[in-house]
Amino acid sequence: MRKFLLSVAVIFLLSGMSVALAAESFAVEVLNLVNAERARVGAAPLRLADDLQEESAIRAREIVEVFSHTRPDGSDCFTVMRNRGRTCGENIAAGHASAQETVEQWMSSDGHRENILNPNFRELGVGYAYEDYSTYHHYWVQLFRG
């Protein structure tokens, strides 16, 4: 019985790590795709910011609960950001398993595309959450700061 419980604990730990590693990998992939879109219009590339990474991860978990720019506690999405800078933006998406599909979805939406191409933004955070027992399973957040 102890071996079984230990095996279950190790599998649970590894599955949590794999989601965390996927989220890190997705962040770099989203950044590269976004910067390719920005280059097409002459906008400077964005860079990942550690604090925005943490905050977008929080938002990704929150939109599993409530898919909205309003946080589950009823506050504005930007309240998650400790340092908003001069300007900020948020993109959310759900349902696609890949960064490529998600960025394509954002680029097909006027408001999301405006955030991605906004020349005033300099930094990006990308959050990803997977929830098997949810409506869309895959949840994505971009937080922008200028």
N, C-alpha and C. Protein backbone atom coordinates (compact mmCIF):
# COMPACT_ATOMS: atom_id res chain seq x y z
N MET A 1 0.82 -1.19 0.00
CA MET A 1 0.00 0.00 0.00
C MET A 1 0.87 1.26 0.00
N ARG A 2 1.97 1.24 0.79
CA ARG A 2 2.85 2.40 0.83
C ARG A 2 3.47 2.68 -0.54
N LYS A 3 3.88 1.58 -1.25
CA LYS A 3 4.46 1.75 -2.58
C LYS A 3 3.44 2.39 -3.52
N PHE A 4 2.19 1.95 -3.43
CA PHE A 4 1.15 2.50 -4.28
C PHE A 4 0.96 3.99 -4.00
N LEU A 5 0.85 4.36 -2.73
CA LEU A 5 0.67 5.76 -2.38
C LEU A 5 1.86 6.61 -2.80
N LEU A 6 3.05 6.07 -2.65
CA LEU A 6 4.25 6.79 -3.08
C LEU A 6 4.23 6.96 -4.60
N SER A 7 3.84 5.93 -5.33
CA SER A 7 3.76 6.02 -6.79
C SER A 7 2.74 7.07 -7.22
N VAL A 8 1.60 7.08 -6.57
CA VAL A 8 0.56 8.06 -6.88
C VAL A 8 1.08 9.47 -6.60
N ALA A 9 1.77 9.65 -5.48
CA ALA A 9 2.31 10.97 -5.12
C ALA A 9 3.34 11.43 -6.15
N VAL A 10 4.21 10.51 -6.61
CA VAL A 10 5.22 10.86 -7.60
C VAL A 10 4.56 11.23 -8.93
N ILE A 11 3.57 10.46 -9.36
CA ILE A 11 2.86 10.76 -10.61
C ILE A 11 2.17 12.12 -10.51
N PHE A 12 1.53 12.39 -9.37
CA PHE A 12 0.85 13.68 -9.18
C PHE A 12 1.86 14.82 -9.25
N LEU A 13 3.00 14.66 -8.58
CA LEU A 13 4.04 15.69 -8.59
C LEU A 13 4.55 15.90 -10.00
N LEU A 14 4.83 14.83 -10.72
CA LEU A 14 5.35 14.95 -12.09
C LEU A 14 4.33 15.57 -13.03
N SER A 15 3.05 15.24 -12.87
CA SER A 15 2.04 15.84 -13.74
C SER A 15 1.93 17.34 -13.48
N GLY A 16 2.04 17.76 -12.24
CA GLY A 16 2.05 19.18 -11.92
C GLY A 16 3.27 19.87 -12.50
N MET A 17 4.42 19.19 -12.44
CA MET A 17 5.64 19.75 -13.01
C MET A 17 5.52 19.86 -14.52
N SER A 18 4.88 18.87 -15.16
CA SER A 18 4.78 18.91 -16.62
C SER A 18 3.91 20.06 -17.08
N VAL A 19 2.86 20.40 -16.33
CA VAL A 19 2.03 21.56 -16.67
C VAL A 19 2.85 22.84 -16.48
N ALA A 20 3.64 22.90 -15.40
CA ALA A 20 4.47 24.08 -15.16
C ALA A 20 5.52 24.23 -16.25
N LEU A 21 6.15 23.12 -16.64
CA LEU A 21 7.15 23.18 -17.72
C LEU A 21 6.49 23.55 -19.05
N ALA A 22 5.29 23.03 -19.30
CA ALA A 22 4.57 23.38 -20.52
C ALA A 22 4.26 24.87 -20.53
N ALA A 23 3.85 25.40 -19.38
CA ALA A 23 3.52 26.83 -19.30
C ALA A 23 4.74 27.68 -19.61
N GLU A 24 5.92 27.30 -19.10
CA GLU A 24 7.16 28.03 -19.40
C GLU A 24 7.48 27.98 -20.88
N SER A 25 7.37 26.79 -21.45
CA SER A 25 7.65 26.61 -22.87
C SER A 25 6.66 27.39 -23.73
N PHE A 26 5.38 27.35 -23.34
CA PHE A 26 4.35 28.09 -24.06
C PHE A 26 4.62 29.59 -24.01
N ALA A 27 5.11 30.09 -22.88
CA ALA A 27 5.37 31.53 -22.75
C ALA A 27 6.41 31.97 -23.78
N VAL A 28 7.47 31.20 -23.92
CA VAL A 28 8.51 31.54 -24.89
C VAL A 28 7.96 31.44 -26.31
N GLU A 29 7.16 30.41 -26.57
CA GLU A 29 6.58 30.25 -27.90
C GLU A 29 5.63 31.40 -28.23
N VAL A 30 4.77 31.78 -27.29
CA VAL A 30 3.85 32.90 -27.50
C VAL A 30 4.66 34.17 -27.73
N LEU A 31 5.68 34.40 -26.93
CA LEU A 31 6.53 35.59 -27.10
C LEU A 31 7.10 35.64 -28.51
N ASN A 32 7.64 34.53 -28.99
CA ASN A 32 8.23 34.50 -30.34
C ASN A 32 7.18 34.77 -31.42
N LEU A 33 6.01 34.18 -31.28
CA LEU A 33 4.94 34.40 -32.25
C LEU A 33 4.46 35.84 -32.23
N VAL A 34 4.31 36.41 -31.04
CA VAL A 34 3.88 37.80 -30.90
C VAL A 34 4.93 38.74 -31.49
N ASN A 35 6.20 38.47 -31.20
CA ASN A 35 7.25 39.34 -31.73
C ASN A 35 7.36 39.25 -33.25
N ALA A 36 7.04 38.10 -33.82
CA ALA A 36 7.01 37.98 -35.28
C ALA A 36 5.89 38.85 -35.86
N GLU A 37 4.74 38.86 -35.21
CA GLU A 37 3.63 39.72 -35.65
C GLU A 37 4.00 41.19 -35.50
N ARG A 38 4.64 41.54 -34.40
CA ARG A 38 5.05 42.92 -34.18
C ARG A 38 6.09 43.36 -35.21
N ALA A 39 7.00 42.48 -35.57
CA ALA A 39 8.03 42.82 -36.56
C ALA A 39 7.40 43.15 -37.91
N ARG A 40 6.31 42.47 -38.25
CA ARG A 40 5.62 42.73 -39.53
C ARG A 40 5.11 44.16 -39.64
N VAL A 41 4.82 44.79 -38.50
CA VAL A 41 4.29 46.16 -38.52
C VAL A 41 5.31 47.18 -38.01
N GLY A 42 6.53 46.74 -37.78
CA GLY A 42 7.58 47.64 -37.34
C GLY A 42 7.57 47.99 -35.86
N ALA A 43 6.84 47.22 -35.05
CA ALA A 43 6.81 47.46 -33.60
C ALA A 43 7.99 46.75 -32.94
N ALA A 44 8.54 47.36 -31.91
CA ALA A 44 9.66 46.78 -31.18
C ALA A 44 9.25 45.46 -30.53
N PRO A 45 10.19 44.54 -30.39
CA PRO A 45 9.85 43.27 -29.73
C PRO A 45 9.57 43.45 -28.25
N LEU A 46 8.72 42.59 -27.73
CA LEU A 46 8.43 42.54 -26.30
C LEU A 46 9.45 41.63 -25.62
N ARG A 47 9.57 41.78 -24.33
CA ARG A 47 10.39 40.83 -23.54
C ARG A 47 9.53 40.29 -22.41
N LEU A 48 9.80 39.06 -21.99
CA LEU A 48 9.08 38.49 -20.86
C LEU A 48 9.56 39.15 -19.58
N ALA A 49 8.63 39.48 -18.72
CA ALA A 49 8.94 40.06 -17.41
C ALA A 49 8.52 39.06 -16.34
N ASP A 50 9.43 38.78 -15.41
CA ASP A 50 9.16 37.77 -14.38
C ASP A 50 7.89 38.06 -13.59
N ASP A 51 7.69 39.32 -13.19
CA ASP A 51 6.50 39.63 -12.39
C ASP A 51 5.23 39.43 -13.22
N LEU A 52 5.26 39.80 -14.51
CA LEU A 52 4.09 39.58 -15.36
C LEU A 52 3.85 38.09 -15.61
N GLN A 53 4.92 37.31 -15.64
CA GLN A 53 4.78 35.86 -15.78
C GLN A 53 4.00 35.29 -14.59
N GLU A 54 4.40 35.69 -13.39
CA GLU A 54 3.72 35.22 -12.18
C GLU A 54 2.26 35.67 -12.17
N GLU A 55 2.03 36.93 -12.52
CA GLU A 55 0.68 37.48 -12.47
C GLU A 55 -0.22 36.89 -13.55
N SER A 56 0.34 36.62 -14.72
CA SER A 56 -0.47 36.00 -15.78
C SER A 56 -0.80 34.55 -15.43
N ALA A 57 0.09 33.88 -14.69
CA ALA A 57 -0.21 32.51 -14.23
C ALA A 57 -1.38 32.53 -13.26
N ILE A 58 -1.43 33.54 -12.40
CA ILE A 58 -2.57 33.69 -11.48
C ILE A 58 -3.85 33.89 -12.28
N ARG A 59 -3.79 34.80 -13.26
CA ARG A 59 -4.97 35.08 -14.08
C ARG A 59 -5.41 33.85 -14.86
N ALA A 60 -4.47 33.05 -15.36
CA ALA A 60 -4.84 31.84 -16.12
C ALA A 60 -5.64 30.88 -15.23
N ARG A 61 -5.21 30.73 -13.98
CA ARG A 61 -5.97 29.88 -13.06
C ARG A 61 -7.33 30.49 -12.75
N GLU A 62 -7.39 31.81 -12.68
CA GLU A 62 -8.66 32.47 -12.38
C GLU A 62 -9.67 32.33 -13.51
N ILE A 63 -9.23 32.39 -14.77
CA ILE A 63 -10.20 32.32 -15.86
C ILE A 63 -10.74 30.91 -16.07
N VAL A 64 -10.13 29.92 -15.43
CA VAL A 64 -10.74 28.59 -15.40
C VAL A 64 -12.06 28.70 -14.65
N GLU A 65 -12.04 29.46 -13.56
CA GLU A 65 -13.22 29.67 -12.71
C GLU A 65 -14.25 30.58 -13.38
N VAL A 66 -13.77 31.75 -13.82
CA VAL A 66 -14.63 32.76 -14.42
C VAL A 66 -13.92 33.28 -15.66
N PHE A 67 -14.42 32.91 -16.84
CA PHE A 67 -13.77 33.34 -18.08
C PHE A 67 -14.20 34.77 -18.39
N SER A 68 -13.41 35.71 -17.87
CA SER A 68 -13.77 37.12 -17.95
C SER A 68 -12.54 37.97 -17.66
N HIS A 69 -12.59 39.23 -18.11
CA HIS A 69 -11.56 40.19 -17.73
C HIS A 69 -11.79 40.70 -16.32
N THR A 70 -12.88 40.32 -15.71
CA THR A 70 -13.15 40.61 -14.31
C THR A 70 -12.70 39.41 -13.49
N ARG A 71 -12.00 39.66 -12.42
CA ARG A 71 -11.48 38.58 -11.58
C ARG A 71 -12.61 37.92 -10.78
N PRO A 72 -12.41 36.70 -10.31
CA PRO A 72 -13.46 36.01 -9.56
C PRO A 72 -13.98 36.79 -8.35
N ASP A 73 -13.15 37.67 -7.77
CA ASP A 73 -13.61 38.46 -6.63
C ASP A 73 -14.36 39.72 -7.06
N GLY A 74 -14.55 39.91 -8.38
CA GLY A 74 -15.28 41.06 -8.90
C GLY A 74 -14.42 42.25 -9.25
N SER A 75 -13.13 42.18 -8.96
CA SER A 75 -12.24 43.32 -9.25
C SER A 75 -11.75 43.26 -10.71
N ASP A 76 -11.22 44.37 -11.15
CA ASP A 76 -10.69 44.53 -12.50
C ASP A 76 -9.48 43.60 -12.70
N CYS A 77 -9.31 43.10 -13.92
CA CYS A 77 -8.22 42.17 -14.20
C CYS A 77 -6.85 42.75 -13.88
N PHE A 78 -6.69 44.05 -13.98
CA PHE A 78 -5.38 44.66 -13.77
C PHE A 78 -4.98 44.75 -12.30
N THR A 79 -5.90 44.46 -11.40
CA THR A 79 -5.54 44.48 -9.98
C THR A 79 -4.55 43.37 -9.64
N VAL A 80 -4.39 42.39 -10.51
CA VAL A 80 -3.40 41.34 -10.28
C VAL A 80 -1.98 41.88 -10.44
N MET A 81 -1.83 42.98 -11.17
CA MET A 81 -0.51 43.54 -11.48
C MET A 81 -0.04 44.45 -10.36
N ARG A 82 1.12 44.13 -9.80
CA ARG A 82 1.70 44.98 -8.75
C ARG A 82 2.27 46.26 -9.35
N ASN A 83 2.80 46.18 -10.57
CA ASN A 83 3.39 47.33 -11.25
C ASN A 83 2.76 47.44 -12.63
N ARG A 84 1.84 48.36 -12.79
CA ARG A 84 1.10 48.48 -14.05
C ARG A 84 1.84 49.26 -15.11
N GLY A 85 2.85 50.01 -14.75
CA GLY A 85 3.54 50.84 -15.73
C GLY A 85 2.64 51.98 -16.18
N ARG A 86 2.97 52.58 -17.30
CA ARG A 86 2.17 53.69 -17.82
C ARG A 86 0.90 53.19 -18.50
N THR A 87 0.98 52.03 -19.09
CA THR A 87 -0.17 51.47 -19.80
C THR A 87 -0.12 49.95 -19.69
N CYS A 88 -1.28 49.31 -19.74
CA CYS A 88 -1.30 47.85 -19.63
C CYS A 88 -2.48 47.30 -20.42
N GLY A 89 -2.42 46.01 -20.70
CA GLY A 89 -3.48 45.33 -21.43
C GLY A 89 -3.54 43.86 -21.05
N GLU A 90 -4.67 43.25 -21.35
CA GLU A 90 -4.84 41.82 -21.08
C GLU A 90 -5.56 41.17 -22.26
N ASN A 91 -5.04 40.03 -22.68
CA ASN A 91 -5.73 39.16 -23.63
C ASN A 91 -5.99 37.84 -22.92
N ILE A 92 -7.20 37.29 -23.10
CA ILE A 92 -7.50 35.96 -22.58
C ILE A 92 -8.05 35.11 -23.73
N ALA A 93 -7.82 33.82 -23.63
CA ALA A 93 -8.33 32.88 -24.64
C ALA A 93 -8.52 31.52 -23.96
N ALA A 94 -9.33 30.70 -24.59
CA ALA A 94 -9.54 29.35 -24.05
C ALA A 94 -9.88 28.40 -25.18
N GLY A 95 -9.52 27.14 -24.98
CA GLY A 95 -9.94 26.10 -25.90
C GLY A 95 -8.86 25.52 -26.79
N HIS A 96 -7.84 26.29 -27.11
CA HIS A 96 -6.79 25.78 -28.00
C HIS A 96 -5.65 25.19 -27.18
N ALA A 97 -5.10 24.07 -27.66
CA ALA A 97 -4.03 23.39 -26.95
C ALA A 97 -2.65 23.93 -27.31
N SER A 98 -2.54 24.67 -28.41
CA SER A 98 -1.22 25.13 -28.82
C SER A 98 -1.11 26.65 -28.78
N ALA A 99 0.11 27.10 -28.59
CA ALA A 99 0.40 28.54 -28.61
C ALA A 99 0.07 29.11 -29.99
N GLN A 100 0.42 28.40 -31.03
CA GLN A 100 0.19 28.87 -32.40
C GLN A 100 -1.30 29.15 -32.64
N GLU A 101 -2.15 28.19 -32.29
CA GLU A 101 -3.60 28.37 -32.48
C GLU A 101 -4.14 29.52 -31.64
N THR A 102 -3.60 29.67 -30.44
CA THR A 102 -4.08 30.72 -29.54
C THR A 102 -3.70 32.09 -30.06
N VAL A 103 -2.46 32.24 -30.52
CA VAL A 103 -2.04 33.54 -31.08
C VAL A 103 -2.83 33.85 -32.35
N GLU A 104 -3.09 32.83 -33.17
CA GLU A 104 -3.92 33.05 -34.36
C GLU A 104 -5.32 33.52 -33.97
N GLN A 105 -5.87 32.93 -32.91
CA GLN A 105 -7.19 33.34 -32.41
C GLN A 105 -7.14 34.81 -31.98
N TRP A 106 -6.13 35.19 -31.23
CA TRP A 106 -6.00 36.58 -30.80
C TRP A 106 -5.83 37.53 -31.99
N MET A 107 -5.04 37.12 -32.97
CA MET A 107 -4.79 37.99 -34.12
C MET A 107 -6.04 38.14 -34.99
N SER A 108 -6.99 37.24 -34.85
CA SER A 108 -8.25 37.32 -35.60
C SER A 108 -9.29 38.20 -34.92
N SER A 109 -8.95 38.76 -33.78
CA SER A 109 -9.85 39.60 -33.00
C SER A 109 -9.26 41.01 -32.93
N ASP A 110 -10.04 42.01 -33.32
CA ASP A 110 -9.53 43.38 -33.37
C ASP A 110 -8.90 43.84 -32.06
N GLY A 111 -9.61 43.69 -30.96
CA GLY A 111 -9.10 44.16 -29.67
C GLY A 111 -7.85 43.44 -29.22
N HIS A 112 -7.83 42.12 -29.40
CA HIS A 112 -6.65 41.34 -29.00
C HIS A 112 -5.46 41.68 -29.89
N ARG A 113 -5.71 41.83 -31.18
CA ARG A 113 -4.64 42.19 -32.12
C ARG A 113 -4.06 43.56 -31.77
N GLU A 114 -4.93 44.51 -31.40
CA GLU A 114 -4.45 45.84 -31.00
C GLU A 114 -3.50 45.75 -29.82
N ASN A 115 -3.81 44.90 -28.84
CA ASN A 115 -2.89 44.73 -27.71
C ASN A 115 -1.56 44.15 -28.17
N ILE A 116 -1.60 43.11 -28.99
CA ILE A 116 -0.38 42.46 -29.45
C ILE A 116 0.50 43.43 -30.22
N LEU A 117 -0.10 44.28 -31.05
CA LEU A 117 0.68 45.17 -31.91
C LEU A 117 0.90 46.56 -31.32
N ASN A 118 0.39 46.83 -30.13
CA ASN A 118 0.49 48.15 -29.52
C ASN A 118 1.96 48.53 -29.31
N PRO A 119 2.43 49.59 -29.99
CA PRO A 119 3.84 49.97 -29.88
C PRO A 119 4.22 50.53 -28.51
N ASN A 120 3.23 50.86 -27.68
CA ASN A 120 3.51 51.37 -26.34
C ASN A 120 3.86 50.27 -25.34
N PHE A 121 3.53 49.03 -25.67
CA PHE A 121 3.86 47.92 -24.77
C PHE A 121 5.30 47.50 -24.98
N ARG A 122 5.97 47.19 -23.88
CA ARG A 122 7.38 46.76 -23.92
C ARG A 122 7.59 45.38 -23.30
N GLU A 123 6.66 44.98 -22.40
CA GLU A 123 6.85 43.74 -21.66
C GLU A 123 5.60 42.87 -21.73
N LEU A 124 5.82 41.58 -21.56
CA LEU A 124 4.74 40.60 -21.69
C LEU A 124 4.86 39.54 -20.60
N GLY A 125 3.72 39.09 -20.14
CA GLY A 125 3.63 37.89 -19.30
C GLY A 125 2.64 36.97 -19.96
N VAL A 126 2.94 35.68 -19.98
CA VAL A 126 2.06 34.70 -20.60
C VAL A 126 1.72 33.64 -19.55
N GLY A 127 0.43 33.46 -19.32
CA GLY A 127 -0.02 32.44 -18.38
C GLY A 127 -0.78 31.35 -19.12
N TYR A 128 -0.62 30.13 -18.66
CA TYR A 128 -1.33 28.99 -19.23
C TYR A 128 -1.79 28.10 -18.09
N ALA A 129 -3.02 27.62 -18.19
CA ALA A 129 -3.54 26.66 -17.22
C ALA A 129 -4.31 25.58 -17.97
N TYR A 130 -4.19 24.37 -17.48
CA TYR A 130 -4.95 23.25 -18.03
C TYR A 130 -5.81 22.67 -16.91
N GLU A 131 -7.08 22.51 -17.21
CA GLU A 131 -8.00 21.91 -16.24
C GLU A 131 -8.87 20.90 -16.98
N ASP A 132 -8.63 19.63 -16.67
CA ASP A 132 -9.32 18.54 -17.37
C ASP A 132 -10.83 18.60 -17.20
N TYR A 133 -11.30 18.97 -16.02
CA TYR A 133 -12.73 18.96 -15.73
C TYR A 133 -13.35 20.35 -15.85
N SER A 134 -13.00 21.04 -16.92
CA SER A 134 -13.53 22.38 -17.14
C SER A 134 -14.11 22.46 -18.55
N THR A 135 -14.72 23.57 -18.85
CA THR A 135 -15.38 23.74 -20.14
C THR A 135 -14.41 23.70 -21.31
N TYR A 136 -13.32 24.45 -21.22
CA TYR A 136 -12.42 24.61 -22.36
C TYR A 136 -11.09 23.88 -22.23
N HIS A 137 -10.76 23.41 -21.06
CA HIS A 137 -9.52 22.66 -20.74
C HIS A 137 -8.26 23.52 -20.78
N HIS A 138 -8.03 24.28 -21.85
CA HIS A 138 -6.83 25.08 -22.03
C HIS A 138 -7.17 26.56 -21.88
N TYR A 139 -6.43 27.26 -21.01
CA TYR A 139 -6.70 28.67 -20.71
C TYR A 139 -5.40 29.47 -20.85
N TRP A 140 -5.49 30.60 -21.52
CA TRP A 140 -4.33 31.42 -21.86
C TRP A 140 -4.56 32.87 -21.46
N VAL A 141 -3.52 33.50 -20.97
CA VAL A 141 -3.56 34.92 -20.60
C VAL A 141 -2.28 35.59 -21.08
N GLN A 142 -2.44 36.78 -21.63
CA GLN A 142 -1.32 37.66 -21.89
C GLN A 142 -1.54 38.93 -21.08
N LEU A 143 -0.52 39.35 -20.34
CA LEU A 143 -0.54 40.64 -19.68
C LEU A 143 0.56 41.49 -20.31
N PHE A 144 0.19 42.69 -20.73
CA PHE A 144 1.11 43.61 -21.40
C PHE A 144 1.37 44.81 -20.50
N ARG A 145 2.57 45.34 -20.60
CA ARG A 145 2.89 46.56 -19.85
C ARG A 145 3.78 47.46 -20.70
N GLY A 146 3.50 48.76 -20.62
CA GLY A 146 4.30 49.73 -21.36
C GLY A 146 4.97 50.71 -20.43
